[in-house]
C-alpha atoms as a PDB file:
ATOM      1  CA  MET A   1       0.000   0.000   0.000  1.00  0.00           C
ATOM      2  CA  SER A   2       1.227   3.497  -0.769  1.00  0.00           C
ATOM      3  CA  SER A   3      -0.199   6.935  -0.165  1.00  0.00           C
ATOM      4  CA  THR A   4       0.515  10.324  -1.651  1.00  0.00           C
ATOM      5  CA  TYR A   5      -0.176  13.358   0.499  1.00  0.00           C
ATOM      6  CA  HIS A   6      -0.412  16.879  -0.873  1.00  0.00           C
ATOM      7  CA  ILE A   7      -0.160  18.980   2.243  1.00  0.00           C
ATOM      8  CA  HIS A   8       1.045  22.431   3.206  1.00  0.00           C
ATOM      9  CA  ALA A   9       4.116  22.396   5.446  1.00  0.00           C
ATOM     10  CA  ASP A  10       2.218  24.345   8.115  1.00  0.00           C
ATOM     11  CA  ALA A  11      -0.282  21.458   8.382  1.00  0.00           C
ATOM     12  CA  LEU A  12       2.386  18.959   9.398  1.00  0.00           C
ATOM     13  CA  ASP A  13       1.808  18.337  13.073  1.00  0.00           C
ATOM     14  CA  ALA A  14       1.752  15.585  15.690  1.00  0.00           C
ATOM     15  CA  ASP A  15      -1.739  14.498  14.558  1.00  0.00           C
ATOM     16  CA  PHE A  16      -0.484  13.921  11.019  1.00  0.00           C
ATOM     17  CA  LEU A  17       2.432  11.838  12.298  1.00  0.00           C
ATOM     18  CA  THR A  18       0.081   9.861  14.552  1.00  0.00           C
ATOM     19  CA  SER A  19      -2.184   9.096  11.590  1.00  0.00           C
ATOM     20  CA  LEU A  20       0.802   7.818   9.594  1.00  0.00           C
ATOM     21  CA  LYS A  21       1.859   5.604  12.490  1.00  0.00           C
ATOM     22  CA  THR A  22      -1.665   4.223  12.772  1.00  0.00           C
ATOM     23  CA  LEU A  23      -2.052   3.637   9.048  1.00  0.00           C
ATOM     24  CA  TYR A  24       1.317   1.913   8.656  1.00  0.00           C
ATOM     25  CA  ARG A  25       1.579   0.216  12.054  1.00  0.00           C
ATOM     26  CA  ASN A  26       4.655  -2.056  12.454  1.00  0.00           C
ATOM     27  CA  ARG A  27       6.007  -1.344   8.952  1.00  0.00           C
ATOM     28  CA  ASN A  28       9.153   0.325   7.691  1.00  0.00           C
ATOM     29  CA  LEU A  29       8.475   3.466   5.668  1.00  0.00           C
ATOM     30  CA  THR A  30      10.281   5.460   3.020  1.00  0.00           C
ATOM     31  CA  ILE A  31       9.362   9.122   3.219  1.00  0.00           C
ATOM     32  CA  ILE A  32      10.273  11.424   0.333  1.00  0.00           C
ATOM     33  CA  VAL A  33       9.551  15.125   0.692  1.00  0.00           C
ATOM     34  CA  GLU A  34       9.588  17.421  -2.319  1.00  0.00           C
ATOM     35  CA  PRO A  35       7.906  20.748  -2.952  1.00  0.00           C
ATOM     36  CA  GLU A  36       5.079  20.742  -5.467  1.00  0.00           C
ATOM     37  CA  GLN A  37       5.548  22.652  -8.694  1.00  0.00           C
ATOM     38  CA  ASP A  38       3.236  25.544  -9.250  1.00  0.00           C
ATOM     39  CA  GLU A  39       0.877  25.223 -12.210  1.00  0.00           C
ATOM     40  CA  THR A  40       3.050  27.259 -14.576  1.00  0.00           C
ATOM     41  CA  GLU A  41       6.173  25.214 -13.788  1.00  0.00           C
ATOM     42  CA  ARG A  42       4.197  21.989 -14.262  1.00  0.00           C
ATOM     43  CA  ILE A  43       2.876  23.055 -17.681  1.00  0.00           C
ATOM     44  CA  LEU A  44       6.172  24.431 -18.963  1.00  0.00           C
ATOM     45  CA  SER A  45       8.146  21.369 -17.828  1.00  0.00           C
ATOM     46  CA  ASN A  46       5.918  19.012 -19.846  1.00  0.00           C
ATOM     47  CA  PRO A  47       6.762  19.284 -23.591  1.00  0.00           C
ATOM     48  CA  LEU A  48       3.274  18.179 -24.718  1.00  0.00           C
ATOM     49  CA  MET A  49       1.486  20.629 -22.424  1.00  0.00           C
ATOM     50  CA  LYS A  50       3.875  23.440 -23.378  1.00  0.00           C
ATOM     51  CA  ALA A  51       3.197  22.746 -27.064  1.00  0.00           C
ATOM     52  CA  LYS A  52      -0.560  22.936 -26.424  1.00  0.00           C
ATOM     53  CA  LEU A  53      -0.129  26.228 -24.563  1.00  0.00           C
ATOM     54  CA  ASP A  54       2.031  27.632 -27.375  1.00  0.00           C
ATOM     55  CA  ALA A  55      -0.572  26.557 -29.956  1.00  0.00           C
ATOM     56  CA  ALA A  56      -3.375  28.137 -27.918  1.00  0.00           C
ATOM     57  CA  LEU A  57      -1.424  31.399 -27.616  1.00  0.00           C
ATOM     58  CA  ALA A  58      -0.729  31.339 -31.369  1.00  0.00           C
ATOM     59  CA  ASN A  59      -4.480  30.991 -31.984  1.00  0.00           C
ATOM     60  CA  ILE A  60      -5.096  34.026 -29.797  1.00  0.00           C
ATOM     61  CA  ASP A  61      -2.466  35.971 -31.760  1.00  0.00           C
ATOM     62  CA  GLU A  62      -4.376  35.095 -34.942  1.00  0.00           C
ATOM     63  CA  GLY A  63      -7.615  36.397 -33.420  1.00  0.00           C
ATOM     64  CA  LYS A  64      -9.104  32.916 -33.030  1.00  0.00           C
ATOM     65  CA  GLY A  65      -9.680  33.149 -29.281  1.00  0.00           C
ATOM     66  CA  ILE A  66     -12.863  34.082 -27.449  1.00  0.00           C
ATOM     67  CA  LEU A  67     -12.906  36.620 -24.622  1.00  0.00           C
ATOM     68  CA  PHE A  68     -15.165  35.772 -21.670  1.00  0.00           C
ATOM     69  CA  THR A  69     -15.903  37.634 -18.493  1.00  0.00           C
ATOM     70  CA  PRO A  70     -16.109  35.236 -15.528  1.00  0.00           C
ATOM     71  CA  GLU A  71     -19.912  35.551 -15.591  1.00  0.00           C
ATOM     72  CA  GLN A  72     -20.109  34.849 -19.335  1.00  0.00           C
ATOM     73  CA  PHE A  73     -17.853  31.828 -18.977  1.00  0.00           C
ATOM     74  CA  GLU A  74     -20.021  30.479 -16.146  1.00  0.00           C
ATOM     75  CA  ALA A  75     -23.198  30.966 -18.192  1.00  0.00           C
ATOM     76  CA  TYR A  76     -21.603  29.365 -21.271  1.00  0.00           C
ATOM     77  CA  SER A  77     -20.328  26.409 -19.187  1.00  0.00           C
ATOM     78  CA  GLU A  78     -23.755  25.885 -17.621  1.00  0.00           C
ATOM     79  CA  ALA A  79     -25.379  25.869 -21.059  1.00  0.00           C
ATOM     80  CA  LEU A  80     -22.907  23.228 -22.238  1.00  0.00           C
ATOM     81  CA  GLN A  81     -23.599  21.111 -19.137  1.00  0.00           C
ATOM     82  CA  ARG A  82     -27.323  21.272 -19.915  1.00  0.00           C
ATOM     83  CA  GLY A  83     -26.545  19.775 -23.334  1.00  0.00           C
ATOM     84  CA  GLU A  84     -27.163  23.011 -25.212  1.00  0.00           C
ATOM     85  CA  ASN A  85     -24.964  24.227 -28.040  1.00  0.00           C
ATOM     86  CA  PRO A  86     -24.782  27.985 -27.394  1.00  0.00           C
ATOM     87  CA  ASP A  87     -23.284  30.320 -29.986  1.00  0.00           C
ATOM     88  CA  VAL A  88     -19.919  31.217 -28.476  1.00  0.00           C
ATOM     89  CA  GLN A  89     -19.526  34.156 -30.876  1.00  0.00           C
ATOM     90  CA  ILE A  90     -21.965  36.250 -28.840  1.00  0.00           C
ATOM     91  CA  TYR A  91     -19.137  36.711 -26.340  1.00  0.00           C
ATOM     92  CA  GLY A  92     -16.819  38.394 -28.865  1.00  0.00           C
ATOM     93  CA  THR A  93     -13.357  37.547 -30.120  1.00  0.00           C
ATOM     94  CA  VAL A  94     -10.017  38.266 -28.505  1.00  0.00           C
ATOM     95  CA  GLN A  95      -7.960  41.155 -29.831  1.00  0.00           C
ATOM     96  CA  GLY A  96      -4.904  39.237 -31.064  1.00  0.00           C
ATOM     97  CA  SER A  97      -1.373  40.057 -29.926  1.00  0.00           C
ATOM     98  CA  GLU A  98      -2.331  42.739 -27.394  1.00  0.00           C
ATOM     99  CA  PHE A  99      -4.208  40.099 -25.403  1.00  0.00           C
ATOM    100  CA  HIS A 100      -1.429  37.561 -25.974  1.00  0.00           C
ATOM    101  CA  ALA A 101       1.209  39.825 -24.458  1.00  0.00           C
ATOM    102  CA  GLN A 102      -0.948  40.650 -21.436  1.00  0.00           C
ATOM    103  CA  GLU A 103      -1.968  37.031 -20.855  1.00  0.00           C
ATOM    104  CA  LEU A 104       1.564  35.682 -21.298  1.00  0.00           C
ATOM    105  CA  GLU A 105       2.825  38.253 -18.809  1.00  0.00           C
ATOM    106  CA  ARG A 106       0.164  37.161 -16.327  1.00  0.00           C
ATOM    107  CA  VAL A 107       0.847  33.435 -16.791  1.00  0.00           C
ATOM    108  CA  LEU A 108       4.592  33.802 -16.368  1.00  0.00           C
ATOM    109  CA  ALA A 109       4.398  36.222 -13.420  1.00  0.00           C
END
């Protein structure tokens, strides 16, 4: 049996250690501790995911993206979940490279 814990360092306490001891009673353990990558590091370190991100950003540069406000995205998502096929064009298209530069700056910040 193995377990993977994703836990903040501040949450490591005596109760956590006690639960490990209870779960793995009378067994030898190997404990490996490594910090999690943030989402940007995870995407950029995976060649396939980075290629998808690059392709998506290239589409935005070509004006193929759609700009949503959070409320519009929620409404569009809910319509899709209901099985509807809403016209995404009512939300407007992204303004090419200006958006790309701003979004890339935000993602890499």
